[in-house]
C-alpha atoms as a PDB file:
ATOM      1  CA  UNK A   1       2.750  -4.890  -8.889  1.00  0.00           C
ATOM      2  CA  UNK A   2       3.890  -6.980  -5.967  1.00  0.00           C
ATOM      3  CA  UNK A   3       2.708  -6.892  -2.384  1.00  0.00           C
ATOM      4  CA  UNK A   4       5.075  -4.821  -0.287  1.00  0.00           C
ATOM      5  CA  UNK A   5       5.985  -2.307  -2.968  1.00  0.00           C
ATOM      6  CA  UNK A   6       5.784   1.355  -2.016  1.00  0.00           C
ATOM      7  CA  UNK A   7       3.047   3.358  -3.713  1.00  0.00           C
ATOM      8  CA  UNK A   8       2.145   7.035  -3.515  1.00  0.00           C
ATOM      9  CA  UNK A   9      -1.360   7.737  -2.212  1.00  0.00           C
ATOM     10  CA  UNK A  10      -3.324  10.968  -2.623  1.00  0.00           C
ATOM     11  CA  UNK A  11      -4.712  11.987   0.775  1.00  0.00           C
ATOM     12  CA  UNK A  12      -7.818  13.945   1.622  1.00  0.00           C
ATOM     13  CA  UNK A  13      -6.868  17.605   1.599  1.00  0.00           C
ATOM     14  CA  UNK A  14      -4.368  17.323  -1.237  1.00  0.00           C
ATOM     15  CA  UNK A  15      -1.334  15.753   0.394  1.00  0.00           C
ATOM     16  CA  UNK A  16       0.393  12.515  -0.521  1.00  0.00           C
ATOM     17  CA  UNK A  17       1.920   9.645   1.455  1.00  0.00           C
ATOM     18  CA  UNK A  18       3.949   6.517   0.759  1.00  0.00           C
ATOM     19  CA  UNK A  19       2.294   3.272   1.799  1.00  0.00           C
ATOM     20  CA  UNK A  20       2.879  -0.455   1.249  1.00  0.00           C
ATOM     21  CA  UNK A  21       0.834  -2.232  -1.393  1.00  0.00           C
ATOM     22  CA  UNK A  22      -1.240  -5.130  -0.052  1.00  0.00           C
ATOM     23  CA  UNK A  23      -3.386  -5.990  -3.102  1.00  0.00           C
ATOM     24  CA  UNK A  24      -4.791  -4.577  -6.323  1.00  0.00           C
ATOM     25  CA  UNK A  25      -8.459  -5.358  -6.870  1.00  0.00           C
ATOM     26  CA  UNK A  26     -10.898  -4.415  -9.611  1.00  0.00           C
ATOM     27  CA  UNK A  27     -11.745  -0.916  -8.368  1.00  0.00           C
ATOM     28  CA  UNK A  28      -9.533  -0.419  -5.333  1.00  0.00           C
ATOM     29  CA  UNK A  29      -5.954  -0.709  -4.190  1.00  0.00           C
ATOM     30  CA  UNK A  30      -5.450  -2.076  -0.688  1.00  0.00           C
ATOM     31  CA  UNK A  31      -2.593  -0.420   1.188  1.00  0.00           C
ATOM     32  CA  UNK A  32      -1.146  -0.349   4.700  1.00  0.00           C
ATOM     33  CA  UNK A  33       1.487   1.527   6.668  1.00  0.00           C
ATOM     34  CA  UNK A  34       5.060   0.462   7.316  1.00  0.00           C
ATOM     35  CA  UNK A  35       4.390  -0.684  10.878  1.00  0.00           C
ATOM     36  CA  UNK A  36       1.460  -2.927   9.929  1.00  0.00           C
ATOM     37  CA  UNK A  37       3.385  -4.408   7.014  1.00  0.00           C
ATOM     38  CA  UNK A  38       6.432  -5.173   9.169  1.00  0.00           C
ATOM     39  CA  UNK A  39       4.296  -6.652  11.977  1.00  0.00           C
ATOM     40  CA  UNK A  40       2.418  -8.878   9.524  1.00  0.00           C
ATOM     41  CA  UNK A  41       5.672 -10.119   7.993  1.00  0.00           C
ATOM     42  CA  UNK A  42       7.139 -10.874  11.418  1.00  0.00           C
ATOM     43  CA  UNK A  43       3.948 -12.638  12.571  1.00  0.00           C
ATOM     44  CA  UNK A  44       3.526 -14.621   9.347  1.00  0.00           C
ATOM     45  CA  UNK A  45       0.100 -13.205   8.495  1.00  0.00           C
ATOM     46  CA  UNK A  46      -1.319 -11.069   5.704  1.00  0.00           C
ATOM     47  CA  UNK A  47      -1.252  -7.334   6.440  1.00  0.00           C
ATOM     48  CA  UNK A  48      -4.518  -5.596   7.253  1.00  0.00           C
ATOM     49  CA  UNK A  49      -5.055  -2.698   4.903  1.00  0.00           C
ATOM     50  CA  UNK A  50      -7.490  -0.078   3.717  1.00  0.00           C
ATOM     51  CA  UNK A  51      -8.927   0.177   0.235  1.00  0.00           C
ATOM     52  CA  UNK A  52      -8.339   3.342  -1.760  1.00  0.00           C
ATOM     53  CA  UNK A  53      -9.832   4.121  -5.181  1.00  0.00           C
ATOM     54  CA  UNK A  54      -7.359   3.288  -7.950  1.00  0.00           C
ATOM     55  CA  UNK A  55      -7.499   6.911  -9.088  1.00  0.00           C
ATOM     56  CA  UNK A  56      -5.968   7.992  -5.754  1.00  0.00           C
ATOM     57  CA  UNK A  57      -2.994   5.625  -5.881  1.00  0.00           C
ATOM     58  CA  UNK A  58      -0.015   6.150  -8.176  1.00  0.00           C
ATOM     59  CA  UNK A  59       0.978   2.611  -9.139  1.00  0.00           C
ATOM     60  CA  UNK A  60       3.624   3.806 -11.587  1.00  0.00           C
ATOM     61  CA  UNK A  61       5.858   5.105  -8.797  1.00  0.00           C
ATOM     62  CA  UNK A  62       6.692   1.997  -6.834  1.00  0.00           C
ATOM     63  CA  UNK A  63       9.762   0.497  -5.252  1.00  0.00           C
ATOM     64  CA  UNK A  64      10.446  -3.042  -4.123  1.00  0.00           C
ATOM     65  CA  UNK A  65       9.997  -3.794  -0.452  1.00  0.00           C
ATOM     66  CA  UNK A  66      13.131  -3.827   1.632  1.00  0.00           C
ATOM     67  CA  UNK A  67      12.093  -6.071   4.512  1.00  0.00           C
END
């Protein structure tokens, strides 16, 4: 897993969304949206993300960042 890869996240209510991977920690996966990831890259700072339980993030379905 590399920062910037797309991951699929299970949302409250049963839906899913694609988000950018920020970090994988012991019990959570930190993710952010496209806009935050692009802004952070442009500004030379780490992206600000939200932690989701590992069980709610599909790490097997990732793509490399295209930024």
